[in-house]
PDB file of N, CA and C in Angstrom:
ATOM      1  N   MET A   1     -19.991 -17.431  30.484  1.00  0.00           N
ATOM      2  CA  MET A   1     -19.016 -18.071  31.336  1.00  0.00           C
ATOM      3  C   MET A   1     -18.459 -17.015  32.286  1.00  0.00           C
ATOM      4  N   ALA A   2     -18.170 -17.418  33.514  1.00  0.00           N
ATOM      5  CA  ALA A   2     -17.640 -16.495  34.507  1.00  0.00           C
ATOM      6  C   ALA A   2     -16.474 -17.138  35.239  1.00  0.00           C
ATOM      7  N   LEU A   3     -15.668 -16.301  35.857  1.00  0.00           N
ATOM      8  CA  LEU A   3     -14.486 -16.743  36.567  1.00  0.00           C
ATOM      9  C   LEU A   3     -14.509 -16.170  37.976  1.00  0.00           C
ATOM     10  N   ASN A   4     -14.214 -16.987  38.969  1.00  0.00           N
ATOM     11  CA  ASN A   4     -14.124 -16.514  40.351  1.00  0.00           C
ATOM     12  C   ASN A   4     -12.675 -16.136  40.665  1.00  0.00           C
ATOM     13  N   PHE A   5     -12.465 -14.905  41.137  1.00  0.00           N
ATOM     14  CA  PHE A   5     -11.137 -14.499  41.553  1.00  0.00           C
ATOM     15  C   PHE A   5     -11.004 -14.553  43.069  1.00  0.00           C
ATOM     16  N   TYR A   6     -11.849 -13.821  43.771  1.00  0.00           N
ATOM     17  CA  TYR A   6     -11.799 -13.764  45.230  1.00  0.00           C
ATOM     18  C   TYR A   6     -13.204 -13.966  45.772  1.00  0.00           C
ATOM     19  N   GLY A   7     -13.326 -14.793  46.754  1.00  0.00           N
ATOM     20  CA  GLY A   7     -14.628 -15.012  47.357  1.00  0.00           C
ATOM     21  C   GLY A   7     -15.622 -15.541  46.349  1.00  0.00           C
ATOM     22  N   ASP A   8     -16.834 -15.029  46.448  1.00  0.00           N
ATOM     23  CA  ASP A   8     -17.897 -15.495  45.562  1.00  0.00           C
ATOM     24  C   ASP A   8     -18.139 -14.561  44.379  1.00  0.00           C
ATOM     25  N   GLU A   9     -17.346 -13.489  44.283  1.00  0.00           N
ATOM     26  CA  GLU A   9     -17.565 -12.531  43.190  1.00  0.00           C
ATOM     27  C   GLU A   9     -17.127 -13.142  41.860  1.00  0.00           C
ATOM     28  N   GLN A  10     -18.005 -13.040  40.877  1.00  0.00           N
ATOM     29  CA  GLN A  10     -17.705 -13.611  39.560  1.00  0.00           C
ATOM     30  C   GLN A  10     -17.457 -12.507  38.545  1.00  0.00           C
ATOM     31  N   PHE A  11     -16.519 -12.758  37.645  1.00  0.00           N
ATOM     32  CA  PHE A  11     -16.204 -11.837  36.569  1.00  0.00           C
ATOM     33  C   PHE A  11     -16.503 -12.525  35.244  1.00  0.00           C
ATOM     34  N   PRO A  12     -17.287 -11.890  34.384  1.00  0.00           N
ATOM     35  CA  PRO A  12     -17.624 -12.531  33.103  1.00  0.00           C
ATOM     36  C   PRO A  12     -16.406 -12.610  32.187  1.00  0.00           C
ATOM     37  N   LEU A  13     -16.345 -13.659  31.416  1.00  0.00           N
ATOM     38  CA  LEU A  13     -15.297 -13.824  30.409  1.00  0.00           C
ATOM     39  C   LEU A  13     -15.927 -13.726  29.031  1.00  0.00           C
ATOM     40  N   GLU A  14     -15.294 -12.998  28.165  1.00  0.00           N
ATOM     41  CA  GLU A  14     -15.756 -12.936  26.780  1.00  0.00           C
ATOM     42  C   GLU A  14     -15.050 -14.041  26.019  1.00  0.00           C
ATOM     43  N   MET A  15     -15.805 -14.899  25.413  1.00  0.00           N
ATOM     44  CA  MET A  15     -15.250 -16.068  24.754  1.00  0.00           C
ATOM     45  C   MET A  15     -15.017 -15.832  23.267  1.00  0.00           C
ATOM     46  N   HIS A  16     -14.221 -14.819  22.964  1.00  0.00           N
ATOM     47  CA  HIS A  16     -13.860 -14.567  21.577  1.00  0.00           C
ATOM     48  C   HIS A  16     -12.578 -13.751  21.534  1.00  0.00           C
ATOM     49  N   LYS A  17     -11.942 -13.731  20.392  1.00  0.00           N
ATOM     50  CA  LYS A  17     -10.773 -12.893  20.160  1.00  0.00           C
ATOM     51  C   LYS A  17     -11.197 -11.766  19.233  1.00  0.00           C
ATOM     52  N   VAL A  18     -10.599 -10.627  19.418  1.00  0.00           N
ATOM     53  CA  VAL A  18     -10.917  -9.486  18.581  1.00  0.00           C
ATOM     54  C   VAL A  18      -9.733  -9.205  17.662  1.00  0.00           C
ATOM     55  N   ARG A  19     -10.009  -9.006  16.417  1.00  0.00           N
ATOM     56  CA  ARG A  19      -8.999  -8.617  15.440  1.00  0.00           C
ATOM     57  C   ARG A  19      -9.542  -7.417  14.668  1.00  0.00           C
ATOM     58  N   VAL A  20      -8.677  -6.500  14.307  1.00  0.00           N
ATOM     59  CA  VAL A  20      -9.090  -5.353  13.518  1.00  0.00           C
ATOM     60  C   VAL A  20      -8.424  -5.494  12.162  1.00  0.00           C
ATOM     61  N   ILE A  21      -9.233  -5.817  11.183  1.00  0.00           N
ATOM     62  CA  ILE A  21      -8.712  -5.987   9.830  1.00  0.00           C
ATOM     63  C   ILE A  21      -9.679  -5.358   8.842  1.00  0.00           C
ATOM     64  N   GLN A  22      -9.175  -5.097   7.672  1.00  0.00           N
ATOM     65  CA  GLN A  22     -10.032  -4.612   6.592  1.00  0.00           C
ATOM     66  C   GLN A  22      -9.513  -5.228   5.308  1.00  0.00           C
ATOM     67  N   LYS A  23     -10.389  -5.829   4.567  1.00  0.00           N
ATOM     68  CA  LYS A  23     -10.008  -6.465   3.310  1.00  0.00           C
ATOM     69  C   LYS A  23      -9.583  -5.401   2.307  1.00  0.00           C
ATOM     70  N   LEU A  24      -8.458  -5.635   1.667  1.00  0.00           N
ATOM     71  CA  LEU A  24      -7.961  -4.731   0.638  1.00  0.00           C
ATOM     72  C   LEU A  24      -8.139  -5.386  -0.722  1.00  0.00           C
ATOM     73  N   ASN A  25      -8.465  -4.586  -1.700  1.00  0.00           N
ATOM     74  CA  ASN A  25      -8.620  -5.086  -3.065  1.00  0.00           C
ATOM     75  C   ASN A  25      -7.565  -4.449  -3.948  1.00  0.00           C
ATOM     76  N   LEU A  26      -6.835  -5.294  -4.657  1.00  0.00           N
ATOM     77  CA  LEU A  26      -5.857  -4.795  -5.615  1.00  0.00           C
ATOM     78  C   LEU A  26      -6.527  -4.793  -6.981  1.00  0.00           C
ATOM     79  N   VAL A  27      -7.036  -3.627  -7.368  1.00  0.00           N
ATOM     80  CA  VAL A  27      -7.709  -3.519  -8.667  1.00  0.00           C
ATOM     81  C   VAL A  27      -6.652  -3.495  -9.764  1.00  0.00           C
ATOM     82  N   PRO A  28      -7.000  -3.929 -10.968  1.00  0.00           N
ATOM     83  CA  PRO A  28      -6.034  -3.943 -12.072  1.00  0.00           C
ATOM     84  C   PRO A  28      -5.461  -2.550 -12.333  1.00  0.00           C
ATOM     85  N   ILE A  29      -4.235  -2.523 -12.782  1.00  0.00           N
ATOM     86  CA  ILE A  29      -3.550  -1.255 -13.006  1.00  0.00           C
ATOM     87  C   ILE A  29      -4.311  -0.376 -13.998  1.00  0.00           C
ATOM     88  N   GLU A  30      -4.963  -1.001 -14.963  1.00  0.00           N
ATOM     89  CA  GLU A  30      -5.729  -0.213 -15.938  1.00  0.00           C
ATOM     90  C   GLU A  30      -6.833   0.584 -15.232  1.00  0.00           C
ATOM     91  N   ARG A  31      -7.517  -0.042 -14.281  1.00  0.00           N
ATOM     92  CA  ARG A  31      -8.582   0.652 -13.542  1.00  0.00           C
ATOM     93  C   ARG A  31      -8.001   1.735 -12.646  1.00  0.00           C
ATOM     94  N   ARG A  32      -6.848   1.464 -12.035  1.00  0.00           N
ATOM     95  CA  ARG A  32      -6.223   2.483 -11.187  1.00  0.00           C
ATOM     96  C   ARG A  32      -5.830   3.711 -11.997  1.00  0.00           C
ATOM     97  N   LEU A  33      -5.295   3.484 -13.183  1.00  0.00           N
ATOM     98  CA  LEU A  33      -4.932   4.608 -14.058  1.00  0.00           C
ATOM     99  C   LEU A  33      -6.179   5.366 -14.516  1.00  0.00           C
ATOM    100  N   GLU A  34      -7.219   4.623 -14.834  1.00  0.00           N
ATOM    101  CA  GLU A  34      -8.489   5.233 -15.234  1.00  0.00           C
ATOM    102  C   GLU A  34      -9.066   6.078 -14.095  1.00  0.00           C
ATOM    103  N   ALA A  35      -9.013   5.549 -12.874  1.00  0.00           N
ATOM    104  CA  ALA A  35      -9.530   6.278 -11.711  1.00  0.00           C
ATOM    105  C   ALA A  35      -8.733   7.553 -11.469  1.00  0.00           C
ATOM    106  N   ALA A  36      -7.416   7.479 -11.623  1.00  0.00           N
ATOM    107  CA  ALA A  36      -6.576   8.672 -11.447  1.00  0.00           C
ATOM    108  C   ALA A  36      -6.912   9.719 -12.497  1.00  0.00           C
ATOM    109  N   THR A  37      -7.147   9.276 -13.730  1.00  0.00           N
ATOM    110  CA  THR A  37      -7.526  10.204 -14.798  1.00  0.00           C
ATOM    111  C   THR A  37      -8.883  10.833 -14.517  1.00  0.00           C
ATOM    112  N   GLU A  38      -9.848  10.008 -14.086  1.00  0.00           N
ATOM    113  CA  GLU A  38     -11.185  10.517 -13.763  1.00  0.00           C
ATOM    114  C   GLU A  38     -11.131  11.544 -12.631  1.00  0.00           C
ATOM    115  N   ALA A  39     -10.185  11.367 -11.723  1.00  0.00           N
ATOM    116  CA  ALA A  39     -10.043  12.285 -10.596  1.00  0.00           C
ATOM    117  C   ALA A  39      -9.187  13.499 -10.954  1.00  0.00           C
ATOM    118  N   GLY A  40      -8.810  13.602 -12.227  1.00  0.00           N
ATOM    119  CA  GLY A  40      -7.969  14.721 -12.646  1.00  0.00           C
ATOM    120  C   GLY A  40      -6.604  14.674 -11.978  1.00  0.00           C
ATOM    121  N   ASN A  41      -6.134  13.456 -11.678  1.00  0.00           N
ATOM    122  CA  ASN A  41      -4.872  13.236 -10.974  1.00  0.00           C
ATOM    123  C   ASN A  41      -4.836  13.903  -9.599  1.00  0.00           C
ATOM    124  N   ASN A  42      -5.997  14.162  -9.038  1.00  0.00           N
ATOM    125  CA  ASN A  42      -6.114  14.733  -7.700  1.00  0.00           C
ATOM    126  C   ASN A  42      -6.386  13.589  -6.736  1.00  0.00           C
ATOM    127  N   THR A  43      -5.392  13.223  -5.943  1.00  0.00           N
ATOM    128  CA  THR A  43      -5.524  12.059  -5.066  1.00  0.00           C
ATOM    129  C   THR A  43      -6.629  12.222  -4.035  1.00  0.00           C
ATOM    130  N   PHE A  44      -7.012  13.460  -3.718  1.00  0.00           N
ATOM    131  CA  PHE A  44      -8.099  13.673  -2.767  1.00  0.00           C
ATOM    132  C   PHE A  44      -9.458  13.293  -3.354  1.00  0.00           C
ATOM    133  N   LEU A  45      -9.541  13.159  -4.669  1.00  0.00           N
ATOM    134  CA  LEU A  45     -10.797  12.818  -5.317  1.00  0.00           C
ATOM    135  C   LEU A  45     -10.920  11.325  -5.629  1.00  0.00           C
ATOM    136  N   LEU A  46      -9.889  10.540  -5.327  1.00  0.00           N
ATOM    137  CA  LEU A  46      -9.957   9.104  -5.553  1.00  0.00           C
ATOM    138  C   LEU A  46     -10.918   8.458  -4.569  1.00  0.00           C
ATOM    139  N   LYS A  47     -11.553   7.383  -4.982  1.00  0.00           N
ATOM    140  CA  LYS A  47     -12.479   6.628  -4.129  1.00  0.00           C
ATOM    141  C   LYS A  47     -11.733   5.456  -3.492  1.00  0.00           C
ATOM    142  N   ASN A  48     -12.121   5.109  -2.264  1.00  0.00           N
ATOM    143  CA  ASN A  48     -11.467   3.997  -1.562  1.00  0.00           C
ATOM    144  C   ASN A  48     -11.490   2.710  -2.367  1.00  0.00           C
ATOM    145  N   LYS A  49     -12.558   2.480  -3.110  1.00  0.00           N
ATOM    146  CA  LYS A  49     -12.667   1.232  -3.871  1.00  0.00           C
ATOM    147  C   LYS A  49     -11.603   1.120  -4.956  1.00  0.00           C
ATOM    148  N   ASP A  50     -10.989   2.238  -5.327  1.00  0.00           N
ATOM    149  CA  ASP A  50      -9.954   2.245  -6.366  1.00  0.00           C
ATOM    150  C   ASP A  50      -8.539   2.336  -5.795  1.00  0.00           C
ATOM    151  N   ILE A  51      -8.428   2.272  -4.471  1.00  0.00           N
ATOM    152  CA  ILE A  51      -7.126   2.433  -3.817  1.00  0.00           C
ATOM    153  C   ILE A  51      -6.754   1.131  -3.125  1.00  0.00           C
ATOM    154  N   TYR A  52      -5.512   0.710  -3.277  1.00  0.00           N
ATOM    155  CA  TYR A  52      -5.048  -0.487  -2.569  1.00  0.00           C
ATOM    156  C   TYR A  52      -4.575  -0.114  -1.163  1.00  0.00           C
ATOM    157  N   LEU A  53      -3.621   0.763  -1.062  1.00  0.00           N
ATOM    158  CA  LEU A  53      -3.152   1.280   0.224  1.00  0.00           C
ATOM    159  C   LEU A  53      -3.197   2.795   0.176  1.00  0.00           C
ATOM    160  N   ASP A  54      -3.747   3.387   1.196  1.00  0.00           N
ATOM    161  CA  ASP A  54      -3.854   4.836   1.285  1.00  0.00           C
ATOM    162  C   ASP A  54      -2.550   5.390   1.831  1.00  0.00           C
ATOM    163  N   MET A  55      -1.715   5.926   0.968  1.00  0.00           N
ATOM    164  CA  MET A  55      -0.440   6.502   1.389  1.00  0.00           C
ATOM    165  C   MET A  55      -0.532   8.022   1.490  1.00  0.00           C
ATOM    166  N   LEU A  56      -1.715   8.554   1.258  1.00  0.00           N
ATOM    167  CA  LEU A  56      -1.917  10.000   1.258  1.00  0.00           C
ATOM    168  C   LEU A  56      -2.176  10.542   2.652  1.00  0.00           C
ATOM    169  N   THR A  57      -2.987   9.845   3.426  1.00  0.00           N
ATOM    170  CA  THR A  57      -3.398  10.354   4.730  1.00  0.00           C
ATOM    171  C   THR A  57      -2.869   9.456   5.832  1.00  0.00           C
ATOM    172  N   ASP A  58      -3.066   9.873   7.065  1.00  0.00           N
ATOM    173  CA  ASP A  58      -2.679   9.030   8.186  1.00  0.00           C
ATOM    174  C   ASP A  58      -3.869   8.206   8.672  1.00  0.00           C
ATOM    175  N   SER A  59      -4.928   8.211   7.919  1.00  0.00           N
ATOM    176  CA  SER A  59      -6.067   7.348   8.178  1.00  0.00           C
ATOM    177  C   SER A  59      -6.487   6.807   6.820  1.00  0.00           C
ATOM    178  N   GLY A  60      -7.651   6.262   6.705  1.00  0.00           N
ATOM    179  CA  GLY A  60      -8.075   5.822   5.381  1.00  0.00           C
ATOM    180  C   GLY A  60      -8.325   4.348   5.329  1.00  0.00           C
ATOM    181  N   VAL A  61      -7.838   3.687   4.283  1.00  0.00           N
ATOM    182  CA  VAL A  61      -8.217   2.305   4.038  1.00  0.00           C
ATOM    183  C   VAL A  61      -7.294   1.292   4.694  1.00  0.00           C
ATOM    184  N   ASN A  62      -6.278   1.713   5.393  1.00  0.00           N
ATOM    185  CA  ASN A  62      -5.366   0.767   6.036  1.00  0.00           C
ATOM    186  C   ASN A  62      -5.970   0.223   7.329  1.00  0.00           C
ATOM    187  N   ALA A  63      -5.585  -0.982   7.705  1.00  0.00           N
ATOM    188  CA  ALA A  63      -6.072  -1.601   8.937  1.00  0.00           C
ATOM    189  C   ALA A  63      -4.948  -1.658   9.957  1.00  0.00           C
ATOM    190  N   MET A  64      -5.316  -1.904  11.200  1.00  0.00           N
ATOM    191  CA  MET A  64      -4.333  -2.024  12.268  1.00  0.00           C
ATOM    192  C   MET A  64      -4.249  -3.474  12.716  1.00  0.00           C
ATOM    193  N   SER A  65      -3.057  -3.896  13.105  1.00  0.00           N
ATOM    194  CA  SER A  65      -2.894  -5.249  13.609  1.00  0.00           C
ATOM    195  C   SER A  65      -3.437  -5.348  15.034  1.00  0.00           C
ATOM    196  N   ASP A  66      -3.630  -6.569  15.492  1.00  0.00           N
ATOM    197  CA  ASP A  66      -4.093  -6.771  16.863  1.00  0.00           C
ATOM    198  C   ASP A  66      -3.091  -6.224  17.869  1.00  0.00           C
ATOM    199  N   ARG A  67      -1.814  -6.261  17.560  1.00  0.00           N
ATOM    200  CA  ARG A  67      -0.798  -5.727  18.480  1.00  0.00           C
ATOM    201  C   ARG A  67      -0.841  -4.203  18.535  1.00  0.00           C
ATOM    202  N   GLN A  68      -1.084  -3.563  17.401  1.00  0.00           N
ATOM    203  CA  GLN A  68      -1.209  -2.110  17.405  1.00  0.00           C
ATOM    204  C   GLN A  68      -2.413  -1.672  18.238  1.00  0.00           C
ATOM    205  N   VAL A  69      -3.533  -2.341  18.055  1.00  0.00           N
ATOM    206  CA  VAL A  69      -4.745  -1.985  18.801  1.00  0.00           C
ATOM    207  C   VAL A  69      -4.544  -2.237  20.288  1.00  0.00           C
ATOM    208  N   SER A  70      -3.942  -3.367  20.645  1.00  0.00           N
ATOM    209  CA  SER A  70      -3.742  -3.657  22.068  1.00  0.00           C
ATOM    210  C   SER A  70      -2.793  -2.656  22.695  1.00  0.00           C
ATOM    211  N   SER A  71      -1.790  -2.190  21.961  1.00  0.00           N
ATOM    212  CA  SER A  71      -0.886  -1.166  22.489  1.00  0.00           C
ATOM    213  C   SER A  71      -1.632   0.130  22.755  1.00  0.00           C
ATOM    214  N   MET A  72      -2.558   0.473  21.876  1.00  0.00           N
ATOM    215  CA  MET A  72      -3.352   1.690  22.078  1.00  0.00           C
ATOM    216  C   MET A  72      -4.221   1.569  23.319  1.00  0.00           C
ATOM    217  N   LEU A  73      -4.737   0.380  23.596  1.00  0.00           N
ATOM    218  CA  LEU A  73      -5.639   0.202  24.716  1.00  0.00           C
ATOM    219  C   LEU A  73      -4.929   0.193  26.063  1.00  0.00           C
ATOM    220  N   LYS A  74      -3.660  -0.205  26.083  1.00  0.00           N
ATOM    221  CA  LYS A  74      -2.960  -0.288  27.361  1.00  0.00           C
ATOM    222  C   LYS A  74      -2.057   0.908  27.636  1.00  0.00           C
ATOM    223  N   VAL A  75      -1.897   1.781  26.670  1.00  0.00           N
ATOM    224  CA  VAL A  75      -0.979   2.905  26.825  1.00  0.00           C
ATOM    225  C   VAL A  75      -1.558   3.988  27.738  1.00  0.00           C
ATOM    226  N   ASP A  76      -0.667   4.646  28.465  1.00  0.00           N
ATOM    227  CA  ASP A  76      -1.032   5.832  29.245  1.00  0.00           C
ATOM    228  C   ASP A  76      -0.807   7.013  28.322  1.00  0.00           C
ATOM    229  N   ASP A  77      -1.858   7.518  27.711  1.00  0.00           N
ATOM    230  CA  ASP A  77      -1.698   8.559  26.694  1.00  0.00           C
ATOM    231  C   ASP A  77      -1.894   9.968  27.241  1.00  0.00           C
ATOM    232  N   SER A  78      -1.657  10.148  28.538  1.00  0.00           N
ATOM    233  CA  SER A  78      -1.711  11.505  29.065  1.00  0.00           C
ATOM    234  C   SER A  78      -0.571  12.305  28.413  1.00  0.00           C
ATOM    235  N   TYR A  79      -0.767  13.589  28.264  1.00  0.00           N
ATOM    236  CA  TYR A  79       0.187  14.373  27.488  1.00  0.00           C
ATOM    237  C   TYR A  79       1.495  14.648  28.206  1.00  0.00           C
ATOM    238  N   ALA A  80       1.481  14.733  29.524  1.00  0.00           N
ATOM    239  CA  ALA A  80       2.710  15.092  30.220  1.00  0.00           C
ATOM    240  C   ALA A  80       3.002  14.104  31.332  1.00  0.00           C
ATOM    241  N   GLY A  81       4.246  13.711  31.414  1.00  0.00           N
ATOM    242  CA  GLY A  81       4.681  12.916  32.535  1.00  0.00           C
ATOM    243  C   GLY A  81       4.362  11.439  32.494  1.00  0.00           C
ATOM    244  N   SER A  82       3.869  10.922  31.384  1.00  0.00           N
ATOM    245  CA  SER A  82       3.523   9.501  31.349  1.00  0.00           C
ATOM    246  C   SER A  82       4.774   8.652  31.158  1.00  0.00           C
ATOM    247  N   ALA A  83       4.756   7.470  31.739  1.00  0.00           N
ATOM    248  CA  ALA A  83       5.876   6.544  31.588  1.00  0.00           C
ATOM    249  C   ALA A  83       6.014   6.109  30.133  1.00  0.00           C
ATOM    250  N   ASP A  84       4.891   6.019  29.421  1.00  0.00           N
ATOM    251  CA  ASP A  84       4.945   5.630  28.011  1.00  0.00           C
ATOM    252  C   ASP A  84       5.670   6.678  27.177  1.00  0.00           C
ATOM    253  N   TRP A  85       5.465   7.961  27.495  1.00  0.00           N
ATOM    254  CA  TRP A  85       6.192   9.004  26.770  1.00  0.00           C
ATOM    255  C   TRP A  85       7.678   8.903  27.065  1.00  0.00           C
ATOM    256  N   ASP A  86       8.057   8.661  28.314  1.00  0.00           N
ATOM    257  CA  ASP A  86       9.476   8.534  28.654  1.00  0.00           C
ATOM    258  C   ASP A  86      10.124   7.408  27.861  1.00  0.00           C
ATOM    259  N   GLU A  87       9.415   6.287  27.743  1.00  0.00           N
ATOM    260  CA  GLU A  87       9.938   5.149  26.982  1.00  0.00           C
ATOM    261  C   GLU A  87      10.057   5.498  25.500  1.00  0.00           C
ATOM    262  N   CYS A  88       9.025   6.146  24.956  1.00  0.00           N
ATOM    263  CA  CYS A  88       9.037   6.540  23.541  1.00  0.00           C
ATOM    264  C   CYS A  88      10.186   7.511  23.267  1.00  0.00           C
ATOM    265  N   GLU A  89      10.348   8.490  24.132  1.00  0.00           N
ATOM    266  CA  GLU A  89      11.414   9.489  23.964  1.00  0.00           C
ATOM    267  C   GLU A  89      12.788   8.826  23.985  1.00  0.00           C
ATOM    268  N   ALA A  90      12.995   7.889  24.888  1.00  0.00           N
ATOM    269  CA  ALA A  90      14.274   7.194  24.976  1.00  0.00           C
ATOM    270  C   ALA A  90      14.570   6.414  23.694  1.00  0.00           C
ATOM    271  N   VAL A  91      13.549   5.750  23.139  1.00  0.00           N
ATOM    272  CA  VAL A  91      13.732   4.985  21.901  1.00  0.00           C
ATOM    273  C   VAL A  91      14.053   5.928  20.735  1.00  0.00           C
ATOM    274  N   ILE A  92      13.337   7.050  20.644  1.00  0.00           N
ATOM    275  CA  ILE A  92      13.591   8.017  19.568  1.00  0.00           C
ATOM    276  C   ILE A  92      15.010   8.554  19.659  1.00  0.00           C
ATOM    277  N   LYS A  93      15.434   8.923  20.863  1.00  0.00           N
ATOM    278  CA  LYS A  93      16.794   9.440  21.045  1.00  0.00           C
ATOM    279  C   LYS A  93      17.837   8.397  20.664  1.00  0.00           C
ATOM    280  N   ASP A  94      17.579   7.142  21.051  1.00  0.00           N
ATOM    281  CA  ASP A  94      18.509   6.068  20.721  1.00  0.00           C
ATOM    282  C   ASP A  94      18.560   5.810  19.218  1.00  0.00           C
ATOM    283  N   MET A  95      17.404   5.775  18.575  1.00  0.00           N
ATOM    284  CA  MET A  95      17.345   5.473  17.141  1.00  0.00           C
ATOM    285  C   MET A  95      17.936   6.581  16.279  1.00  0.00           C
ATOM    286  N   PHE A  96      17.618   7.824  16.614  1.00  0.00           N
ATOM    287  CA  PHE A  96      17.993   8.935  15.748  1.00  0.00           C
ATOM    288  C   PHE A  96      19.163   9.761  16.280  1.00  0.00           C
ATOM    289  N   GLY A  97      19.620   9.470  17.498  1.00  0.00           N
ATOM    290  CA  GLY A  97      20.748  10.200  18.054  1.00  0.00           C
ATOM    291  C   GLY A  97      20.450  11.662  18.327  1.00  0.00           C
ATOM    292  N   MET A  98      19.183  11.984  18.545  1.00  0.00           N
ATOM    293  CA  MET A  98      18.784  13.369  18.810  1.00  0.00           C
ATOM    294  C   MET A  98      18.753  13.625  20.315  1.00  0.00           C
ATOM    295  N   ASP A  99      19.163  14.824  20.723  1.00  0.00           N
ATOM    296  CA  ASP A  99      19.104  15.181  22.138  1.00  0.00           C
ATOM    297  C   ASP A  99      17.726  15.664  22.552  1.00  0.00           C
ATOM    298  N   TYR A 100      16.979  16.211  21.592  1.00  0.00           N
ATOM    299  CA  TYR A 100      15.679  16.797  21.915  1.00  0.00           C
ATOM    300  C   TYR A 100      14.602  16.207  21.013  1.00  0.00           C
ATOM    301  N   VAL A 101      13.434  15.983  21.574  1.00  0.00           N
ATOM    302  CA  VAL A 101      12.305  15.430  20.828  1.00  0.00           C
ATOM    303  C   VAL A 101      11.096  16.318  21.100  1.00  0.00           C
ATOM    304  N   LEU A 102      10.435  16.752  20.046  1.00  0.00           N
ATOM    305  CA  LEU A 102       9.239  17.579  20.184  1.00  0.00           C
ATOM    306  C   LEU A 102       8.045  16.786  19.666  1.00  0.00           C
ATOM    307  N   PRO A 103       7.187  16.322  20.561  1.00  0.00           N
ATOM    308  CA  PRO A 103       6.026  15.546  20.102  1.00  0.00           C
ATOM    309  C   PRO A 103       4.967  16.457  19.479  1.00  0.00           C
ATOM    310  N   VAL A 104       4.279  15.912  18.499  1.00  0.00           N
ATOM    311  CA  VAL A 104       3.150  16.619  17.888  1.00  0.00           C
ATOM    312  C   VAL A 104       1.935  15.719  17.943  1.00  0.00           C
ATOM    313  N   HIS A 105       0.773  16.322  17.842  1.00  0.00           N
ATOM    314  CA  HIS A 105      -0.485  15.593  18.024  1.00  0.00           C
ATOM    315  C   HIS A 105      -0.757  14.583  16.931  1.00  0.00           C
ATOM    316  N   GLN A 106      -0.429  14.901  15.682  1.00  0.00           N
ATOM    317  CA  GLN A 106      -0.843  14.063  14.573  1.00  0.00           C
ATOM    318  C   GLN A 106       0.219  14.097  13.482  1.00  0.00           C
ATOM    319  N   GLY A 107       0.249  13.059  12.664  1.00  0.00           N
ATOM    320  CA  GLY A 107       1.243  12.945  11.604  1.00  0.00           C
ATOM    321  C   GLY A 107       1.304  14.151  10.682  1.00  0.00           C
ATOM    322  N   ARG A 108       0.143  14.646  10.279  1.00  0.00           N
ATOM    323  CA  ARG A 108       0.133  15.797   9.373  1.00  0.00           C
ATOM    324  C   ARG A 108       0.719  17.034  10.036  1.00  0.00           C
ATOM    325  N   ALA A 109       0.548  17.147  11.352  1.00  0.00           N
ATOM    326  CA  ALA A 109       1.098  18.295  12.059  1.00  0.00           C
ATOM    327  C   ALA A 109       2.621  18.256  12.079  1.00  0.00           C
ATOM    328  N   ALA A 110       3.184  17.045  12.044  1.00  0.00           N
ATOM    329  CA  ALA A 110       4.631  16.907  12.060  1.00  0.00           C
ATOM    330  C   ALA A 110       5.221  17.497  10.798  1.00  0.00           C
TER     331      ALA A 110
END
């Protein structure tokens, strides 16, 4: 399917919606305890199949909502001078009452 905007030029339309999801499995507590024991209580050695939500890393088995993904696609993520950074900084200052904000590249770096 295509759509005409100006003149005879046609723009294709994708006839579907995109969602980013990942099915999570809540394994029985007995299996979770067994998996933790097998891993020597080292969370880095746990397998995704034995984890419900990954609270250890900033990536992993969690999924993003369609709104989170769309925000990533429309954001101006240049490092300096972007309007999105100005908006983010203003919200942080308002929420936390801080005069200065130092951005870092990744959650673990913070």
